[in-house]
Amino acid sequence: RGLRLLASSCPQNRTYYAAAQVMEDGVGKEVFAIVCKVLW
């Protein structure tokens, strides 16, 4: 099991957004958003 990123963006190094797909035995499942506040 794991995660695969389909796309990500970090405009102005302030906030990171990503579409992450849940993977199980090599099969893609749900895709959800990850959000990170960023200090750079």
ModelCIF file with pLDDT and N, C-alpha, C, O atoms, coordinates in Angstrom:
data_MODEL
#
_entry.id   MODEL 
#
_entity.id                         1 
_entity.type                       polymer 
_entity.pdbx_number_of_molecules   1 
#
_entity_poly.entity_id                      1 
_entity_poly.type                           'polypeptide(L)' 
_entity_poly.nstd_linkage                   no 
_entity_poly.nstd_monomer                   no 
_entity_poly.pdbx_seq_one_letter_code       RGLRLLASSCPQNRTYYAAAQVMEDGVGKEVFAIVCKVLW 
_entity_poly.pdbx_seq_one_letter_code_can   RGLRLLASSCPQNRTYYAAAQVMEDGVGKEVFAIVCKVLW 
_entity_poly.pdbx_strand_id                 A 
#
loop_
_entity_poly_seq.entity_id 
_entity_poly_seq.num 
_entity_poly_seq.mon_id 
_entity_poly_seq.hetero 
1 1  ARG n 
1 2  GLY n 
1 3  LEU n 
1 4  ARG n 
1 5  LEU n 
1 6  LEU n 
1 7  ALA n 
1 8  SER n 
1 9  SER n 
1 10 CYS n 
1 11 PRO n 
1 12 GLN n 
1 13 ASN n 
1 14 ARG n 
1 15 THR n 
1 16 TYR n 
1 17 TYR n 
1 18 ALA n 
1 19 ALA n 
1 20 ALA n 
1 21 GLN n 
1 22 VAL n 
1 23 MET n 
1 24 GLU n 
1 25 ASP n 
1 26 GLY n 
1 27 VAL n 
1 28 GLY n 
1 29 LYS n 
1 30 GLU n 
1 31 VAL n 
1 32 PHE n 
1 33 ALA n 
1 34 ILE n 
1 35 VAL n 
1 36 CYS n 
1 37 LYS n 
1 38 VAL n 
1 39 LEU n 
1 40 TRP n 
#
_struct_asym.id          A 
_struct_asym.entity_id   1 
#
loop_
_ma_qa_metric.id 
_ma_qa_metric.mode 
_ma_qa_metric.name 
_ma_qa_metric.software_group_id 
_ma_qa_metric.type 
1 global pLDDT . pLDDT 
2 local  pLDDT . pLDDT 
#
_ma_qa_metric_global.metric_id      1 
_ma_qa_metric_global.metric_value   95.42 
_ma_qa_metric_global.model_id       1 
_ma_qa_metric_global.ordinal_id     1 
#
loop_
_ma_qa_metric_local.label_asym_id 
_ma_qa_metric_local.label_comp_id 
_ma_qa_metric_local.label_seq_id 
_ma_qa_metric_local.metric_id 
_ma_qa_metric_local.metric_value 
_ma_qa_metric_local.model_id 
_ma_qa_metric_local.ordinal_id 
A ARG 1  2 92.00 1 1  
A GLY 2  2 94.00 1 2  
A LEU 3  2 96.00 1 3  
A ARG 4  2 96.00 1 4  
A LEU 5  2 97.00 1 5  
A LEU 6  2 98.00 1 6  
A ALA 7  2 98.00 1 7  
A SER 8  2 98.00 1 8  
A SER 9  2 97.00 1 9  
A CYS 10 2 96.00 1 10 
A PRO 11 2 90.00 1 11 
A GLN 12 2 88.00 1 12 
A ASN 13 2 92.00 1 13 
A ARG 14 2 94.00 1 14 
A THR 15 2 97.00 1 15 
A TYR 16 2 98.00 1 16 
A TYR 17 2 98.00 1 17 
A ALA 18 2 98.00 1 18 
A ALA 19 2 98.00 1 19 
A ALA 20 2 98.00 1 20 
A GLN 21 2 98.00 1 21 
A VAL 22 2 96.00 1 22 
A MET 23 2 95.00 1 23 
A GLU 24 2 92.00 1 24 
A ASP 25 2 91.00 1 25 
A GLY 26 2 89.00 1 26 
A VAL 27 2 92.00 1 27 
A GLY 28 2 93.00 1 28 
A LYS 29 2 95.00 1 29 
A GLU 30 2 97.00 1 30 
A VAL 31 2 98.00 1 31 
A PHE 32 2 98.00 1 32 
A ALA 33 2 98.00 1 33 
A ILE 34 2 98.00 1 34 
A VAL 35 2 98.00 1 35 
A CYS 36 2 97.00 1 36 
A LYS 37 2 96.00 1 37 
A VAL 38 2 96.00 1 38 
A LEU 39 2 94.00 1 39 
A TRP 40 2 93.00 1 40 
#
loop_
_atom_site.group_PDB 
_atom_site.id 
_atom_site.type_symbol 
_atom_site.label_atom_id 
_atom_site.label_alt_id 
_atom_site.label_comp_id 
_atom_site.label_asym_id 
_atom_site.label_entity_id 
_atom_site.label_seq_id 
_atom_site.pdbx_PDB_ins_code 
_atom_site.Cartn_x 
_atom_site.Cartn_y 
_atom_site.Cartn_z 
_atom_site.occupancy 
_atom_site.B_iso_or_equiv 
_atom_site.pdbx_formal_charge 
_atom_site.auth_seq_id 
_atom_site.auth_comp_id 
_atom_site.auth_asym_id 
_atom_site.auth_atom_id 
_atom_site.pdbx_PDB_model_num 
ATOM 1   N N  . ARG A 1 1  ? 0.830  -1.191 0.000   1.00 92.00 ? 1  ARG A N  1 
ATOM 2   C CA . ARG A 1 1  ? 0.000  0.000  0.000   1.00 92.00 ? 1  ARG A CA 1 
ATOM 3   C C  . ARG A 1 1  ? 0.869  1.248  0.000   1.00 92.00 ? 1  ARG A C  1 
ATOM 4   O O  . ARG A 1 1  ? 2.021  1.227  0.434   1.00 92.00 ? 1  ARG A O  1 
ATOM 5   N N  . GLY A 1 2  ? 0.296  2.323  -0.492  1.00 94.00 ? 2  GLY A N  1 
ATOM 6   C CA . GLY A 1 2  ? 1.056  3.562  -0.519  1.00 94.00 ? 2  GLY A CA 1 
ATOM 7   C C  . GLY A 1 2  ? 0.293  4.686  -1.180  1.00 94.00 ? 2  GLY A C  1 
ATOM 8   O O  . GLY A 1 2  ? -0.923 4.617  -1.357  1.00 94.00 ? 2  GLY A O  1 
ATOM 9   N N  . LEU A 1 3  ? 1.024  5.720  -1.541  1.00 96.00 ? 3  LEU A N  1 
ATOM 10  C CA . LEU A 1 3  ? 0.453  6.890  -2.205  1.00 96.00 ? 3  LEU A CA 1 
ATOM 11  C C  . LEU A 1 3  ? 1.245  7.196  -3.465  1.00 96.00 ? 3  LEU A C  1 
ATOM 12  O O  . LEU A 1 3  ? 2.461  7.014  -3.519  1.00 96.00 ? 3  LEU A O  1 
ATOM 13  N N  . ARG A 1 4  ? 0.529  7.665  -4.470  1.00 96.00 ? 4  ARG A N  1 
ATOM 14  C CA . ARG A 1 4  ? 1.154  8.137  -5.710  1.00 96.00 ? 4  ARG A CA 1 
ATOM 15  C C  . ARG A 1 4  ? 0.622  9.534  -5.989  1.00 96.00 ? 4  ARG A C  1 
ATOM 16  O O  . ARG A 1 4  ? -0.590 9.749  -5.987  1.00 96.00 ? 4  ARG A O  1 
ATOM 17  N N  . LEU A 1 5  ? 1.520  10.485 -6.228  1.00 97.00 ? 5  LEU A N  1 
ATOM 18  C CA . LEU A 1 5  ? 1.087  11.846 -6.530  1.00 97.00 ? 5  LEU A CA 1 
ATOM 19  C C  . LEU A 1 5  ? 0.780  11.967 -8.019  1.00 97.00 ? 5  LEU A C  1 
ATOM 20  O O  . LEU A 1 5  ? 1.595  11.603 -8.866  1.00 97.00 ? 5  LEU A O  1 
ATOM 21  N N  . LEU A 1 6  ? -0.402 12.481 -8.319  1.00 98.00 ? 6  LEU A N  1 
ATOM 22  C CA . LEU A 1 6  ? -0.787 12.702 -9.714  1.00 98.00 ? 6  LEU A CA 1 
ATOM 23  C C  . LEU A 1 6  ? -0.435 14.102 -10.180 1.00 98.00 ? 6  LEU A C  1 
ATOM 24  O O  . LEU A 1 6  ? -0.161 14.320 -11.360 1.00 98.00 ? 6  LEU A O  1 
ATOM 25  N N  . ALA A 1 7  ? -0.443 15.055 -9.251  1.00 98.00 ? 7  ALA A N  1 
ATOM 26  C CA . ALA A 1 7  ? -0.086 16.432 -9.582  1.00 98.00 ? 7  ALA A CA 1 
ATOM 27  C C  . ALA A 1 7  ? 0.133  17.188 -8.283  1.00 98.00 ? 7  ALA A C  1 
ATOM 28  O O  . ALA A 1 7  ? -0.453 16.854 -7.254  1.00 98.00 ? 7  ALA A O  1 
ATOM 29  N N  . SER A 1 8  ? 0.983  18.212 -8.338  1.00 98.00 ? 8  SER A N  1 
ATOM 30  C CA . SER A 1 8  ? 1.212  19.036 -7.156  1.00 98.00 ? 8  SER A CA 1 
ATOM 31  C C  . SER A 1 8  ? 1.606  20.444 -7.579  1.00 98.00 ? 8  SER A C  1 
ATOM 32  O O  . SER A 1 8  ? 2.019  20.680 -8.714  1.00 98.00 ? 8  SER A O  1 
ATOM 33  N N  . SER A 1 9  ? 1.470  21.368 -6.642  1.00 97.00 ? 9  SER A N  1 
ATOM 34  C CA . SER A 1 9  ? 1.811  22.763 -6.902  1.00 97.00 ? 9  SER A CA 1 
ATOM 35  C C  . SER A 1 9  ? 2.146  23.428 -5.574  1.00 97.00 ? 9  SER A C  1 
ATOM 36  O O  . SER A 1 9  ? 1.558  23.107 -4.541  1.00 97.00 ? 9  SER A O  1 
ATOM 37  N N  . CYS A 1 10 ? 3.093  24.354 -5.610  1.00 96.00 ? 10 CYS A N  1 
ATOM 38  C CA . CYS A 1 10 ? 3.459  25.084 -4.392  1.00 96.00 ? 10 CYS A CA 1 
ATOM 39  C C  . CYS A 1 10 ? 3.705  26.544 -4.761  1.00 96.00 ? 10 CYS A C  1 
ATOM 40  O O  . CYS A 1 10 ? 4.848  26.999 -4.730  1.00 96.00 ? 10 CYS A O  1 
ATOM 41  N N  . PRO A 1 11 ? 2.644  27.292 -5.113  1.00 90.00 ? 11 PRO A N  1 
ATOM 42  C CA . PRO A 1 11 ? 2.805  28.665 -5.558  1.00 90.00 ? 11 PRO A CA 1 
ATOM 43  C C  . PRO A 1 11 ? 3.445  29.555 -4.503  1.00 90.00 ? 11 PRO A C  1 
ATOM 44  O O  . PRO A 1 11 ? 3.011  29.594 -3.352  1.00 90.00 ? 11 PRO A O  1 
ATOM 45  N N  . GLN A 1 12 ? 4.488  30.269 -4.922  1.00 88.00 ? 12 GLN A N  1 
ATOM 46  C CA . GLN A 1 12 ? 5.214  31.216 -4.078  1.00 88.00 ? 12 GLN A CA 1 
ATOM 47  C C  . GLN A 1 12 ? 5.785  30.582 -2.808  1.00 88.00 ? 12 GLN A C  1 
ATOM 48  O O  . GLN A 1 12 ? 6.091  31.282 -1.843  1.00 88.00 ? 12 GLN A O  1 
ATOM 49  N N  . ASN A 1 13 ? 5.926  29.259 -2.814  1.00 92.00 ? 13 ASN A N  1 
ATOM 50  C CA . ASN A 1 13 ? 6.489  28.539 -1.656  1.00 92.00 ? 13 ASN A CA 1 
ATOM 51  C C  . ASN A 1 13 ? 5.742  28.852 -0.365  1.00 92.00 ? 13 ASN A C  1 
ATOM 52  O O  . ASN A 1 13 ? 6.344  28.927 0.706   1.00 92.00 ? 13 ASN A O  1 
ATOM 53  N N  . ARG A 1 14 ? 4.425  29.034 -0.474  1.00 94.00 ? 14 ARG A N  1 
ATOM 54  C CA . ARG A 1 14 ? 3.623  29.346 0.713   1.00 94.00 ? 14 ARG A CA 1 
ATOM 55  C C  . ARG A 1 14 ? 2.653  28.230 1.078   1.00 94.00 ? 14 ARG A C  1 
ATOM 56  O O  . ARG A 1 14 ? 2.483  27.903 2.253   1.00 94.00 ? 14 ARG A O  1 
ATOM 57  N N  . THR A 1 15 ? 2.021  27.649 0.067   1.00 97.00 ? 15 THR A N  1 
ATOM 58  C CA . THR A 1 15 ? 1.082  26.562 0.310   1.00 97.00 ? 15 THR A CA 1 
ATOM 59  C C  . THR A 1 15 ? 1.277  25.487 -0.751  1.00 97.00 ? 15 THR A C  1 
ATOM 60  O O  . THR A 1 15 ? 1.370  25.778 -1.943  1.00 97.00 ? 15 THR A O  1 
ATOM 61  N N  . TYR A 1 16 ? 1.336  24.256 -0.302  1.00 98.00 ? 16 TYR A N  1 
ATOM 62  C CA . TYR A 1 16 ? 1.535  23.110 -1.194  1.00 98.00 ? 16 TYR A CA 1 
ATOM 63  C C  . TYR A 1 16 ? 0.199  22.385 -1.340  1.00 98.00 ? 16 TYR A C  1 
ATOM 64  O O  . TYR A 1 16 ? -0.469 22.081 -0.351  1.00 98.00 ? 16 TYR A O  1 
ATOM 65  N N  . TYR A 1 17 ? -0.177 22.115 -2.589  1.00 98.00 ? 17 TYR A N  1 
ATOM 66  C CA . TYR A 1 17 ? -1.393 21.358 -2.886  1.00 98.00 ? 17 TYR A CA 1 
ATOM 67  C C  . TYR A 1 17 ? -1.013 20.154 -3.735  1.00 98.00 ? 17 TYR A C  1 
ATOM 68  O O  . TYR A 1 17 ? -0.171 20.260 -4.627  1.00 98.00 ? 17 TYR A O  1 
ATOM 69  N N  . ALA A 1 18 ? -1.633 19.007 -3.459  1.00 98.00 ? 18 ALA A N  1 
ATOM 70  C CA . ALA A 1 18 ? -1.342 17.814 -4.258  1.00 98.00 ? 18 ALA A CA 1 
ATOM 71  C C  . ALA A 1 18 ? -2.574 16.930 -4.363  1.00 98.00 ? 18 ALA A C  1 
ATOM 72  O O  . ALA A 1 18 ? -3.395 16.869 -3.449  1.00 98.00 ? 18 ALA A O  1 
ATOM 73  N N  . ALA A 1 19 ? -2.686 16.247 -5.497  1.00 98.00 ? 19 ALA A N  1 
ATOM 74  C CA . ALA A 1 19 ? -3.694 15.195 -5.683  1.00 98.00 ? 19 ALA A CA 1 
ATOM 75  C C  . ALA A 1 19 ? -2.977 13.878 -5.481  1.00 98.00 ? 19 ALA A C  1 
ATOM 76  O O  . ALA A 1 19 ? -2.100 13.511 -6.263  1.00 98.00 ? 19 ALA A O  1 
ATOM 77  N N  . ALA A 1 20 ? -3.357 13.157 -4.412  1.00 98.00 ? 20 ALA A N  1 
ATOM 78  C CA . ALA A 1 20 ? -2.677 11.911 -4.051  1.00 98.00 ? 20 ALA A CA 1 
ATOM 79  C C  . ALA A 1 20 ? -3.620 10.730 -4.243  1.00 98.00 ? 20 ALA A C  1 
ATOM 80  O O  . ALA A 1 20 ? -4.763 10.748 -3.785  1.00 98.00 ? 20 ALA A O  1 
ATOM 81  N N  . GLN A 1 21 ? -3.126 9.716  -4.920  1.00 98.00 ? 21 GLN A N  1 
ATOM 82  C CA . GLN A 1 21 ? -3.937 8.520  -5.164  1.00 98.00 ? 21 GLN A CA 1 
ATOM 83  C C  . GLN A 1 21 ? -3.496 7.381  -4.242  1.00 98.00 ? 21 GLN A C  1 
ATOM 84  O O  . GLN A 1 21 ? -2.316 7.045  -4.147  1.00 98.00 ? 21 GLN A O  1 
ATOM 85  N N  . VAL A 1 22 ? -4.482 6.808  -3.575  1.00 96.00 ? 22 VAL A N  1 
ATOM 86  C CA . VAL A 1 22 ? -4.215 5.647  -2.721  1.00 96.00 ? 22 VAL A CA 1 
ATOM 87  C C  . VAL A 1 22 ? -3.944 4.441  -3.618  1.00 96.00 ? 22 VAL A C  1 
ATOM 88  O O  . VAL A 1 22 ? -4.713 4.163  -4.538  1.00 96.00 ? 22 VAL A O  1 
ATOM 89  N N  . MET A 1 23 ? -2.852 3.727  -3.351  1.00 95.00 ? 23 MET A N  1 
ATOM 90  C CA . MET A 1 23 ? -2.475 2.560  -4.141  1.00 95.00 ? 23 MET A CA 1 
ATOM 91  C C  . MET A 1 23 ? -2.530 1.307  -3.280  1.00 95.00 ? 23 MET A C  1 
ATOM 92  O O  . MET A 1 23 ? -2.041 1.302  -2.151  1.00 95.00 ? 23 MET A O  1 
ATOM 93  N N  . GLU A 1 24 ? -3.125 0.246  -3.812  1.00 92.00 ? 24 GLU A N  1 
ATOM 94  C CA . GLU A 1 24 ? -3.162 -1.046 -3.132  1.00 92.00 ? 24 GLU A CA 1 
ATOM 95  C C  . GLU A 1 24 ? -2.782 -2.137 -4.124  1.00 92.00 ? 24 GLU A C  1 
ATOM 96  O O  . GLU A 1 24 ? -3.495 -2.386 -5.096  1.00 92.00 ? 24 GLU A O  1 
ATOM 97  N N  . ASP A 1 25 ? -1.652 -2.784 -3.867  1.00 91.00 ? 25 ASP A N  1 
ATOM 98  C CA . ASP A 1 25 ? -1.150 -3.849 -4.751  1.00 91.00 ? 25 ASP A CA 1 
ATOM 99  C C  . ASP A 1 25 ? -1.088 -3.378 -6.200  1.00 91.00 ? 25 ASP A C  1 
ATOM 100 O O  . ASP A 1 25 ? -1.451 -4.111 -7.120  1.00 91.00 ? 25 ASP A O  1 
ATOM 101 N N  . GLY A 1 26 ? -0.626 -2.150 -6.391  1.00 89.00 ? 26 GLY A N  1 
ATOM 102 C CA . GLY A 1 26 ? -0.450 -1.605 -7.732  1.00 89.00 ? 26 GLY A CA 1 
ATOM 103 C C  . GLY A 1 26 ? -1.711 -1.086 -8.393  1.00 89.00 ? 26 GLY A C  1 
ATOM 104 O O  . GLY A 1 26 ? -1.669 -0.633 -9.537  1.00 89.00 ? 26 GLY A O  1 
ATOM 105 N N  . VAL A 1 27 ? -2.838 -1.144 -7.687  1.00 92.00 ? 27 VAL A N  1 
ATOM 106 C CA . VAL A 1 27 ? -4.110 -0.678 -8.240  1.00 92.00 ? 27 VAL A CA 1 
ATOM 107 C C  . VAL A 1 27 ? -4.465 0.676  -7.627  1.00 92.00 ? 27 VAL A C  1 
ATOM 108 O O  . VAL A 1 27 ? -4.449 0.838  -6.407  1.00 92.00 ? 27 VAL A O  1 
ATOM 109 N N  . GLY A 1 28 ? -4.783 1.642  -8.482  1.00 93.00 ? 28 GLY A N  1 
ATOM 110 C CA . GLY A 1 28 ? -5.136 2.972  -8.002  1.00 93.00 ? 28 GLY A CA 1 
ATOM 111 C C  . GLY A 1 28 ? -6.538 3.017  -7.435  1.00 93.00 ? 28 GLY A C  1 
ATOM 112 O O  . GLY A 1 28 ? -7.478 2.498  -8.037  1.00 93.00 ? 28 GLY A O  1 
ATOM 113 N N  . LYS A 1 29 ? -6.678 3.643  -6.270  1.00 95.00 ? 29 LYS A N  1 
ATOM 114 C CA . LYS A 1 29 ? -7.980 3.775  -5.608  1.00 95.00 ? 29 LYS A CA 1 
ATOM 115 C C  . LYS A 1 29 ? -8.372 5.260  -5.590  1.00 95.00 ? 29 LYS A C  1 
ATOM 116 O O  . LYS A 1 29 ? -8.171 5.976  -6.571  1.00 95.00 ? 29 LYS A O  1 
ATOM 117 N N  . GLU A 1 30 ? -8.926 5.702  -4.478  1.00 97.00 ? 30 GLU A N  1 
ATOM 118 C CA . GLU A 1 30 ? -9.409 7.076  -4.373  1.00 97.00 ? 30 GLU A CA 1 
ATOM 119 C C  . GLU A 1 30 ? -8.281 8.091  -4.534  1.00 97.00 ? 30 GLU A C  1 
ATOM 120 O O  . GLU A 1 30 ? -7.115 7.806  -4.260  1.00 97.00 ? 30 GLU A O  1 
ATOM 121 N N  . VAL A 1 31 ? -8.662 9.278  -4.983  1.00 98.00 ? 31 VAL A N  1 
ATOM 122 C CA . VAL A 1 31 ? -7.718 10.388 -5.102  1.00 98.00 ? 31 VAL A CA 1 
ATOM 123 C C  . VAL A 1 31 ? -8.221 11.512 -4.199  1.00 98.00 ? 31 VAL A C  1 
ATOM 124 O O  . VAL A 1 31 ? -9.359 11.962 -4.329  1.00 98.00 ? 31 VAL A O  1 
ATOM 125 N N  . PHE A 1 32 ? -7.368 11.958 -3.287  1.00 98.00 ? 32 PHE A N  1 
ATOM 126 C CA . PHE A 1 32 ? -7.746 13.019 -2.350  1.00 98.00 ? 32 PHE A CA 1 
ATOM 127 C C  . PHE A 1 32 ? -6.692 14.120 -2.376  1.00 98.00 ? 32 PHE A C  1 
ATOM 128 O O  . PHE A 1 32 ? -5.616 13.952 -2.949  1.00 98.00 ? 32 PHE A O  1 
ATOM 129 N N  . ALA A 1 33 ? -7.013 15.242 -1.752  1.00 98.00 ? 33 ALA A N  1 
ATOM 130 C CA . ALA A 1 33 ? -6.096 16.386 -1.762  1.00 98.00 ? 33 ALA A CA 1 
ATOM 131 C C  . ALA A 1 33 ? -5.281 16.449 -0.484  1.00 98.00 ? 33 ALA A C  1 
ATOM 132 O O  . ALA A 1 33 ? -5.793 16.232 0.614   1.00 98.00 ? 33 ALA A O  1 
ATOM 133 N N  . ILE A 1 34 ? -4.008 16.750 -0.649  1.00 98.00 ? 34 ILE A N  1 
ATOM 134 C CA . ILE A 1 34 ? -3.109 17.038 0.468   1.00 98.00 ? 34 ILE A CA 1 
ATOM 135 C C  . ILE A 1 34 ? -2.821 18.535 0.431   1.00 98.00 ? 34 ILE A C  1 
ATOM 136 O O  . ILE A 1 34 ? -2.587 19.105 -0.634  1.00 98.00 ? 34 ILE A O  1 
ATOM 137 N N  . VAL A 1 35 ? -2.839 19.160 1.594   1.00 98.00 ? 35 VAL A N  1 
ATOM 138 C CA . VAL A 1 35 ? -2.556 20.599 1.703   1.00 98.00 ? 35 VAL A CA 1 
ATOM 139 C C  . VAL A 1 35 ? -1.496 20.787 2.784   1.00 98.00 ? 35 VAL A C  1 
ATOM 140 O O  . VAL A 1 35 ? -1.626 20.253 3.886   1.00 98.00 ? 35 VAL A O  1 
ATOM 141 N N  . CYS A 1 36 ? -0.456 21.539 2.472   1.00 97.00 ? 36 CYS A N  1 
ATOM 142 C CA . CYS A 1 36 ? 0.583  21.837 3.463   1.00 97.00 ? 36 CYS A CA 1 
ATOM 143 C C  . CYS A 1 36 ? 0.825  23.332 3.528   1.00 97.00 ? 36 CYS A C  1 
ATOM 144 O O  . CYS A 1 36 ? 1.028  23.984 2.504   1.00 97.00 ? 36 CYS A O  1 
ATOM 145 N N  . LYS A 1 37 ? 0.802  23.864 4.725   1.00 96.00 ? 37 LYS A N  1 
ATOM 146 C CA . LYS A 1 37 ? 1.298  25.228 4.920   1.00 96.00 ? 37 LYS A CA 1 
ATOM 147 C C  . LYS A 1 37 ? 2.817  25.137 4.879   1.00 96.00 ? 37 LYS A C  1 
ATOM 148 O O  . LYS A 1 37 ? 3.401  24.225 5.465   1.00 96.00 ? 37 LYS A O  1 
ATOM 149 N N  . VAL A 1 38 ? 3.456  26.069 4.195   1.00 96.00 ? 38 VAL A N  1 
ATOM 150 C CA . VAL A 1 38 ? 4.901  25.970 3.959   1.00 96.00 ? 38 VAL A CA 1 
ATOM 151 C C  . VAL A 1 38 ? 5.630  27.202 4.481   1.00 96.00 ? 38 VAL A C  1 
ATOM 152 O O  . VAL A 1 38 ? 5.182  28.335 4.301   1.00 96.00 ? 38 VAL A O  1 
ATOM 153 N N  . LEU A 1 39 ? 6.752  26.956 5.123   1.00 94.00 ? 39 LEU A N  1 
ATOM 154 C CA . LEU A 1 39 ? 7.702  27.999 5.496   1.00 94.00 ? 39 LEU A CA 1 
ATOM 155 C C  . LEU A 1 39 ? 8.944  27.778 4.650   1.00 94.00 ? 39 LEU A C  1 
ATOM 156 O O  . LEU A 1 39 ? 9.548  26.706 4.700   1.00 94.00 ? 39 LEU A O  1 
ATOM 157 N N  . TRP A 1 40 ? 9.332  28.784 3.872   1.00 93.00 ? 40 TRP A N  1 
ATOM 158 C CA . TRP A 1 40 ? 10.513 28.645 3.019   1.00 93.00 ? 40 TRP A CA 1 
ATOM 159 C C  . TRP A 1 40 ? 11.366 29.889 3.162   1.00 93.00 ? 40 TRP A C  1 
ATOM 160 O O  . TRP A 1 40 ? 12.418 29.992 2.531   1.00 93.00 ? 40 TRP A O  1 
#
